[in-house]
């Protein structure tokens, strides 16, 4: 239950609870994917190859570390959303935006994979921002 500005108690609708659980599940999944991709890039530099004409040319190991750290943060925040931590909603939105931006720059390395992760991050953002409150 949540208390509004007037002190009245509010309860989350089933849509709100379902949307947050859905977003948390997707965050754990997207974060896990990023961790696996990060580990793959760290352990094998030749695993991902990009054309030489790409404007953002980072070393594959650097991309791996970015994916790994961001993936761990996304997974932890996803579990905190499940635990209904007060700060987790805002952090989840910020991390989802950062993850989408990260994968946008990663498109030349893994185009199909990156576009799917960007779409999943957009879905997470949508689910988190669609939470509704119902007065009791």
N, C-alpha and C. Protein backbone atom coordinates (compact mmCIF):
# COMPACT_ATOMS: atom_id res chain seq x y z
N UNK A 1 0.83 -1.18 0.00
CA UNK A 1 0.00 0.00 0.00
C UNK A 1 0.88 1.24 0.00
N UNK A 2 0.36 2.28 -0.66
CA UNK A 2 1.09 3.53 -0.81
C UNK A 2 0.24 4.64 -0.23
N UNK A 3 0.87 5.62 0.42
CA UNK A 3 0.16 6.76 0.96
C UNK A 3 0.30 7.93 0.00
N UNK A 4 -0.83 8.57 -0.36
CA UNK A 4 -0.75 9.71 -1.25
C UNK A 4 -0.52 11.00 -0.47
N UNK A 5 -0.59 12.15 -1.18
CA UNK A 5 -0.30 13.44 -0.56
C UNK A 5 -1.26 13.79 0.58
N UNK A 6 -2.50 13.33 0.50
CA UNK A 6 -3.50 13.65 1.52
C UNK A 6 -3.46 12.70 2.70
N UNK A 7 -2.65 11.68 2.63
CA UNK A 7 -2.55 10.71 3.71
C UNK A 7 -3.44 9.50 3.52
N UNK A 8 -4.25 9.49 2.43
CA UNK A 8 -5.10 8.34 2.17
C UNK A 8 -4.25 7.18 1.65
N UNK A 9 -4.66 5.99 1.98
CA UNK A 9 -3.94 4.81 1.50
C UNK A 9 -4.41 4.46 0.10
N UNK A 10 -3.45 4.12 -0.74
CA UNK A 10 -3.75 3.67 -2.10
C UNK A 10 -3.18 2.28 -2.26
N UNK A 11 -3.80 1.51 -3.08
CA UNK A 11 -3.28 0.18 -3.38
C UNK A 11 -3.02 0.09 -4.87
N UNK A 12 -1.99 -0.60 -5.25
CA UNK A 12 -1.67 -0.74 -6.66
C UNK A 12 -2.66 -1.66 -7.35
N UNK A 13 -3.08 -1.28 -8.53
CA UNK A 13 -3.98 -2.13 -9.29
C UNK A 13 -3.22 -3.35 -9.77
N UNK A 14 -3.95 -4.33 -10.24
CA UNK A 14 -3.29 -5.54 -10.75
C UNK A 14 -2.46 -5.21 -11.98
N UNK A 15 -2.88 -4.18 -12.75
CA UNK A 15 -2.08 -3.78 -13.91
C UNK A 15 -0.75 -3.20 -13.47
N UNK A 16 -0.76 -2.41 -12.40
CA UNK A 16 0.48 -1.81 -11.91
C UNK A 16 1.43 -2.90 -11.40
N UNK A 17 0.90 -3.80 -10.59
CA UNK A 17 1.73 -4.87 -10.04
C UNK A 17 2.26 -5.75 -11.17
N UNK A 18 1.39 -6.08 -12.12
CA UNK A 18 1.82 -6.90 -13.25
C UNK A 18 2.85 -6.20 -14.12
N UNK A 19 2.67 -4.90 -14.32
CA UNK A 19 3.61 -4.14 -15.14
C UNK A 19 4.99 -4.06 -14.51
N UNK A 20 5.01 -3.86 -13.20
CA UNK A 20 6.30 -3.79 -12.50
C UNK A 20 6.97 -5.16 -12.47
N UNK A 21 6.19 -6.21 -12.24
CA UNK A 21 6.76 -7.56 -12.26
C UNK A 21 7.28 -7.91 -13.65
N UNK A 22 6.55 -7.48 -14.67
CA UNK A 22 6.98 -7.71 -16.05
C UNK A 22 8.29 -6.98 -16.33
N UNK A 23 8.36 -5.71 -15.93
CA UNK A 23 9.57 -4.92 -16.14
C UNK A 23 10.75 -5.52 -15.37
N UNK A 24 10.49 -5.97 -14.14
CA UNK A 24 11.57 -6.59 -13.34
C UNK A 24 12.07 -7.86 -14.00
N UNK A 25 11.15 -8.67 -14.52
CA UNK A 25 11.55 -9.91 -15.21
C UNK A 25 12.38 -9.61 -16.44
N UNK A 26 11.94 -8.63 -17.22
CA UNK A 26 12.70 -8.25 -18.41
C UNK A 26 14.07 -7.69 -18.04
N UNK A 27 14.13 -6.93 -16.94
CA UNK A 27 15.42 -6.38 -16.52
C UNK A 27 16.40 -7.48 -16.15
N UNK A 28 15.94 -8.48 -15.43
CA UNK A 28 16.82 -9.60 -15.07
C UNK A 28 17.28 -10.32 -16.34
N UNK A 29 16.37 -10.49 -17.30
CA UNK A 29 16.72 -11.17 -18.55
C UNK A 29 17.70 -10.34 -19.38
N UNK A 30 17.40 -9.05 -19.58
CA UNK A 30 18.27 -8.17 -20.38
C UNK A 30 19.64 -8.03 -19.72
N UNK A 31 19.65 -7.88 -18.40
CA UNK A 31 20.92 -7.79 -17.69
C UNK A 31 21.75 -9.06 -17.82
N UNK A 32 21.08 -10.20 -17.76
CA UNK A 32 21.79 -11.48 -17.92
C UNK A 32 22.37 -11.60 -19.33
N UNK A 33 21.61 -11.17 -20.33
CA UNK A 33 22.11 -11.18 -21.70
C UNK A 33 23.34 -10.29 -21.83
N UNK A 34 23.29 -9.12 -21.20
CA UNK A 34 24.43 -8.20 -21.27
C UNK A 34 25.65 -8.77 -20.56
N UNK A 35 25.43 -9.47 -19.46
CA UNK A 35 26.55 -10.10 -18.74
C UNK A 35 27.20 -11.15 -19.61
N UNK A 36 26.39 -11.99 -20.27
CA UNK A 36 26.94 -13.03 -21.14
C UNK A 36 27.69 -12.41 -22.31
N UNK A 37 27.10 -11.39 -22.94
CA UNK A 37 27.78 -10.73 -24.06
C UNK A 37 29.06 -10.06 -23.60
N UNK A 38 29.03 -9.46 -22.42
CA UNK A 38 30.24 -8.83 -21.89
C UNK A 38 31.34 -9.83 -21.62
N UNK A 39 30.98 -10.95 -21.02
CA UNK A 39 31.98 -11.99 -20.76
C UNK A 39 32.55 -12.56 -22.05
N UNK A 40 31.69 -12.74 -23.06
CA UNK A 40 32.16 -13.24 -24.35
C UNK A 40 33.17 -12.28 -24.97
N UNK A 41 32.88 -10.98 -24.89
CA UNK A 41 33.79 -9.99 -25.46
C UNK A 41 35.08 -9.87 -24.66
N UNK A 42 35.02 -10.04 -23.35
CA UNK A 42 36.22 -9.95 -22.52
C UNK A 42 37.11 -11.16 -22.72
N UNK A 43 36.52 -12.34 -22.78
CA UNK A 43 37.30 -13.57 -22.85
C UNK A 43 37.87 -13.84 -24.24
N UNK A 44 37.23 -13.32 -25.30
CA UNK A 44 37.71 -13.57 -26.66
C UNK A 44 37.59 -12.29 -27.47
N UNK A 45 38.71 -11.57 -27.64
CA UNK A 45 38.71 -10.31 -28.37
C UNK A 45 38.26 -10.46 -29.82
N UNK A 46 38.48 -11.61 -30.41
CA UNK A 46 38.14 -11.81 -31.81
C UNK A 46 36.71 -12.31 -32.01
N UNK A 47 35.96 -12.41 -30.91
CA UNK A 47 34.58 -12.91 -31.01
C UNK A 47 33.69 -11.95 -31.80
N UNK A 48 33.85 -10.67 -31.59
CA UNK A 48 33.06 -9.65 -32.28
C UNK A 48 33.97 -8.86 -33.21
N UNK A 49 33.53 -8.69 -34.46
CA UNK A 49 34.32 -7.95 -35.44
C UNK A 49 33.42 -6.87 -36.04
N UNK A 50 33.98 -5.68 -36.24
CA UNK A 50 33.23 -4.57 -36.82
C UNK A 50 34.00 -4.02 -38.01
N UNK A 51 33.27 -3.39 -38.93
CA UNK A 51 33.95 -2.80 -40.08
C UNK A 51 34.82 -1.63 -39.62
N UNK A 52 35.81 -1.28 -40.42
CA UNK A 52 36.75 -0.23 -40.03
C UNK A 52 36.16 1.17 -40.16
N UNK A 53 35.02 1.33 -40.75
CA UNK A 53 34.47 2.66 -41.01
C UNK A 53 33.44 3.08 -39.97
N UNK A 54 33.44 2.49 -38.81
CA UNK A 54 32.48 2.84 -37.77
C UNK A 54 33.01 4.00 -36.94
N UNK A 55 32.17 4.97 -36.66
CA UNK A 55 32.60 6.19 -35.98
C UNK A 55 33.02 5.96 -34.53
N UNK A 56 32.38 5.03 -33.84
CA UNK A 56 32.68 4.77 -32.44
C UNK A 56 33.45 3.47 -32.33
N UNK A 57 34.75 3.57 -32.45
CA UNK A 57 35.59 2.39 -32.47
C UNK A 57 36.22 2.16 -31.10
N UNK A 58 35.59 1.33 -30.30
CA UNK A 58 36.14 0.93 -29.01
C UNK A 58 36.68 -0.49 -29.13
N UNK A 59 37.64 -0.76 -28.32
CA UNK A 59 38.17 -2.11 -28.25
C UNK A 59 37.06 -3.06 -27.78
N UNK A 60 37.06 -4.27 -28.31
CA UNK A 60 36.04 -5.25 -27.94
C UNK A 60 36.05 -5.52 -26.45
N UNK A 61 37.22 -5.55 -25.85
CA UNK A 61 37.30 -5.77 -24.41
C UNK A 61 36.65 -4.61 -23.64
N UNK A 62 36.81 -3.39 -24.13
CA UNK A 62 36.16 -2.24 -23.48
C UNK A 62 34.65 -2.38 -23.55
N UNK A 63 34.12 -2.77 -24.72
CA UNK A 63 32.68 -3.01 -24.82
C UNK A 63 32.25 -4.12 -23.87
N UNK A 64 33.08 -5.13 -23.74
CA UNK A 64 32.76 -6.23 -22.83
C UNK A 64 32.62 -5.76 -21.40
N UNK A 65 33.54 -4.92 -20.95
CA UNK A 65 33.47 -4.41 -19.58
C UNK A 65 32.25 -3.51 -19.38
N UNK A 66 31.93 -2.69 -20.40
CA UNK A 66 30.74 -1.84 -20.31
C UNK A 66 29.49 -2.69 -20.17
N UNK A 67 29.38 -3.71 -21.03
CA UNK A 67 28.22 -4.61 -20.96
C UNK A 67 28.16 -5.36 -19.63
N UNK A 68 29.29 -5.82 -19.16
CA UNK A 68 29.32 -6.59 -17.91
C UNK A 68 28.87 -5.74 -16.72
N UNK A 69 29.45 -4.56 -16.57
CA UNK A 69 29.10 -3.70 -15.43
C UNK A 69 27.65 -3.24 -15.51
N UNK A 70 27.23 -2.80 -16.69
CA UNK A 70 25.85 -2.36 -16.86
C UNK A 70 24.87 -3.53 -16.67
N UNK A 71 25.24 -4.71 -17.16
CA UNK A 71 24.38 -5.88 -17.00
C UNK A 71 24.20 -6.27 -15.55
N UNK A 72 25.27 -6.21 -14.77
CA UNK A 72 25.17 -6.53 -13.33
C UNK A 72 24.26 -5.52 -12.64
N UNK A 73 24.42 -4.23 -12.97
CA UNK A 73 23.57 -3.20 -12.37
C UNK A 73 22.10 -3.40 -12.75
N UNK A 74 21.83 -3.80 -13.99
CA UNK A 74 20.46 -4.03 -14.44
C UNK A 74 19.84 -5.22 -13.72
N UNK A 75 20.60 -6.30 -13.57
CA UNK A 75 20.09 -7.50 -12.87
C UNK A 75 19.79 -7.17 -11.41
N UNK A 76 20.71 -6.49 -10.74
CA UNK A 76 20.50 -6.15 -9.33
C UNK A 76 19.27 -5.25 -9.18
N UNK A 77 19.12 -4.28 -10.06
CA UNK A 77 17.96 -3.39 -10.00
C UNK A 77 16.67 -4.15 -10.30
N UNK A 78 16.73 -5.11 -11.21
CA UNK A 78 15.55 -5.93 -11.49
C UNK A 78 15.10 -6.71 -10.27
N UNK A 79 16.04 -7.30 -9.55
CA UNK A 79 15.69 -8.02 -8.32
C UNK A 79 15.17 -7.06 -7.25
N UNK A 80 15.71 -5.84 -7.21
CA UNK A 80 15.22 -4.85 -6.25
C UNK A 80 13.81 -4.38 -6.60
N UNK A 81 13.47 -4.36 -7.89
CA UNK A 81 12.09 -4.08 -8.28
C UNK A 81 11.15 -5.16 -7.76
N UNK A 82 11.59 -6.42 -7.86
CA UNK A 82 10.79 -7.52 -7.30
C UNK A 82 10.60 -7.35 -5.80
N UNK A 83 11.63 -6.83 -5.12
CA UNK A 83 11.58 -6.65 -3.67
C UNK A 83 10.84 -5.36 -3.29
N UNK A 84 10.38 -4.61 -4.30
CA UNK A 84 9.61 -3.38 -4.08
C UNK A 84 10.43 -2.30 -3.36
N UNK A 85 11.71 -2.21 -3.69
CA UNK A 85 12.55 -1.15 -3.13
C UNK A 85 12.09 0.20 -3.67
N UNK A 86 12.05 1.18 -2.81
CA UNK A 86 11.51 2.50 -3.18
C UNK A 86 12.31 3.16 -4.30
N UNK A 87 13.60 3.00 -4.31
CA UNK A 87 14.47 3.66 -5.28
C UNK A 87 14.55 2.92 -6.60
N UNK A 88 14.10 1.69 -6.65
CA UNK A 88 14.35 0.83 -7.81
C UNK A 88 13.65 1.30 -9.08
N UNK A 89 12.49 1.93 -8.98
CA UNK A 89 11.77 2.37 -10.17
C UNK A 89 12.52 3.40 -10.97
N UNK A 90 13.03 4.42 -10.29
CA UNK A 90 13.78 5.48 -10.98
C UNK A 90 15.10 4.94 -11.51
N UNK A 91 15.79 4.16 -10.71
CA UNK A 91 17.07 3.58 -11.15
C UNK A 91 16.84 2.65 -12.33
N UNK A 92 15.74 1.90 -12.31
CA UNK A 92 15.42 1.01 -13.42
C UNK A 92 15.21 1.79 -14.72
N UNK A 93 14.52 2.92 -14.63
CA UNK A 93 14.33 3.75 -15.82
C UNK A 93 15.66 4.26 -16.35
N UNK A 94 16.50 4.76 -15.47
CA UNK A 94 17.80 5.31 -15.88
C UNK A 94 18.67 4.21 -16.50
N UNK A 95 18.73 3.05 -15.85
CA UNK A 95 19.56 1.96 -16.37
C UNK A 95 19.03 1.42 -17.69
N UNK A 96 17.71 1.40 -17.86
CA UNK A 96 17.15 0.94 -19.13
C UNK A 96 17.51 1.89 -20.27
N UNK A 97 17.48 3.19 -19.99
CA UNK A 97 17.89 4.17 -20.99
C UNK A 97 19.38 4.00 -21.31
N UNK A 98 20.21 3.86 -20.28
CA UNK A 98 21.66 3.67 -20.51
C UNK A 98 21.94 2.38 -21.28
N UNK A 99 21.21 1.32 -20.95
CA UNK A 99 21.40 0.06 -21.66
C UNK A 99 21.00 0.18 -23.12
N UNK A 100 19.92 0.89 -23.39
CA UNK A 100 19.50 1.10 -24.78
C UNK A 100 20.53 1.91 -25.56
N UNK A 101 21.07 2.95 -24.93
CA UNK A 101 22.11 3.76 -25.57
C UNK A 101 23.36 2.93 -25.81
N UNK A 102 23.75 2.14 -24.82
CA UNK A 102 24.91 1.26 -24.94
C UNK A 102 24.75 0.33 -26.13
N UNK A 103 23.58 -0.27 -26.26
CA UNK A 103 23.37 -1.22 -27.37
C UNK A 103 23.20 -0.50 -28.70
N UNK A 104 22.78 0.75 -28.68
CA UNK A 104 22.74 1.52 -29.93
C UNK A 104 24.15 1.66 -30.50
N UNK A 105 25.11 1.99 -29.63
CA UNK A 105 26.49 2.11 -30.09
C UNK A 105 27.11 0.76 -30.42
N UNK A 106 26.49 -0.30 -29.96
CA UNK A 106 27.01 -1.66 -30.18
C UNK A 106 26.42 -2.29 -31.45
N UNK A 107 25.53 -1.58 -32.15
CA UNK A 107 24.87 -2.13 -33.34
C UNK A 107 25.85 -2.66 -34.39
N UNK A 108 26.96 -1.97 -34.71
CA UNK A 108 27.87 -2.52 -35.72
C UNK A 108 28.51 -3.85 -35.32
N UNK A 109 28.61 -4.12 -34.04
CA UNK A 109 29.23 -5.36 -33.58
C UNK A 109 28.24 -6.52 -33.62
N UNK A 110 27.00 -6.27 -33.24
CA UNK A 110 25.96 -7.31 -33.21
C UNK A 110 24.63 -6.64 -33.52
N UNK A 111 24.33 -6.42 -34.81
CA UNK A 111 23.16 -5.61 -35.17
C UNK A 111 21.82 -6.20 -34.70
N UNK A 112 21.56 -7.44 -35.01
CA UNK A 112 20.28 -8.04 -34.65
C UNK A 112 20.09 -8.10 -33.14
N UNK A 113 21.13 -8.54 -32.46
CA UNK A 113 21.10 -8.66 -31.00
C UNK A 113 20.86 -7.30 -30.35
N UNK A 114 21.57 -6.29 -30.81
CA UNK A 114 21.46 -4.95 -30.23
C UNK A 114 20.06 -4.37 -30.41
N UNK A 115 19.48 -4.55 -31.58
CA UNK A 115 18.14 -4.02 -31.84
C UNK A 115 17.12 -4.72 -30.95
N UNK A 116 17.26 -6.00 -30.73
CA UNK A 116 16.34 -6.72 -29.83
C UNK A 116 16.48 -6.20 -28.40
N UNK A 117 17.69 -6.00 -27.93
CA UNK A 117 17.90 -5.50 -26.56
C UNK A 117 17.36 -4.08 -26.43
N UNK A 118 17.53 -3.25 -27.46
CA UNK A 118 16.97 -1.89 -27.43
C UNK A 118 15.45 -1.96 -27.33
N UNK A 119 14.83 -2.85 -28.09
CA UNK A 119 13.37 -3.00 -28.04
C UNK A 119 12.92 -3.48 -26.66
N UNK A 120 13.64 -4.42 -26.07
CA UNK A 120 13.29 -4.90 -24.73
C UNK A 120 13.44 -3.78 -23.70
N UNK A 121 14.47 -2.96 -23.84
CA UNK A 121 14.63 -1.82 -22.93
C UNK A 121 13.48 -0.82 -23.09
N UNK A 122 13.05 -0.60 -24.32
CA UNK A 122 11.90 0.29 -24.54
C UNK A 122 10.65 -0.30 -23.89
N UNK A 123 10.50 -1.60 -23.94
CA UNK A 123 9.36 -2.26 -23.32
C UNK A 123 9.42 -2.13 -21.80
N UNK A 124 10.62 -2.23 -21.24
CA UNK A 124 10.80 -2.04 -19.79
C UNK A 124 10.39 -0.62 -19.40
N UNK A 125 10.86 0.36 -20.15
CA UNK A 125 10.53 1.76 -19.87
C UNK A 125 9.02 1.95 -19.95
N UNK A 126 8.39 1.39 -20.97
CA UNK A 126 6.94 1.51 -21.11
C UNK A 126 6.23 0.88 -19.91
N UNK A 127 6.63 -0.32 -19.52
CA UNK A 127 5.97 -1.02 -18.42
C UNK A 127 6.12 -0.24 -17.11
N UNK A 128 7.28 0.35 -16.89
CA UNK A 128 7.50 1.09 -15.65
C UNK A 128 6.73 2.41 -15.61
N UNK A 129 6.52 3.01 -16.76
CA UNK A 129 5.84 4.30 -16.78
C UNK A 129 4.32 4.17 -16.89
N UNK A 130 3.81 2.97 -17.06
CA UNK A 130 2.37 2.77 -17.18
C UNK A 130 1.70 2.38 -15.87
N UNK A 131 2.44 2.43 -14.78
CA UNK A 131 1.87 2.03 -13.48
C UNK A 131 0.74 2.99 -13.12
N UNK A 132 -0.37 2.43 -12.71
CA UNK A 132 -1.55 3.22 -12.33
C UNK A 132 -1.84 3.01 -10.85
N UNK A 133 -2.47 4.00 -10.20
CA UNK A 133 -2.86 3.88 -8.81
C UNK A 133 -4.38 3.87 -8.73
N UNK A 134 -4.91 3.05 -7.86
CA UNK A 134 -6.35 2.97 -7.67
C UNK A 134 -6.65 3.29 -6.22
N UNK A 135 -7.56 4.21 -5.96
CA UNK A 135 -7.92 4.57 -4.57
C UNK A 135 -8.80 3.49 -3.97
N UNK A 136 -8.59 3.24 -2.67
CA UNK A 136 -9.42 2.27 -1.98
C UNK A 136 -10.43 2.97 -1.10
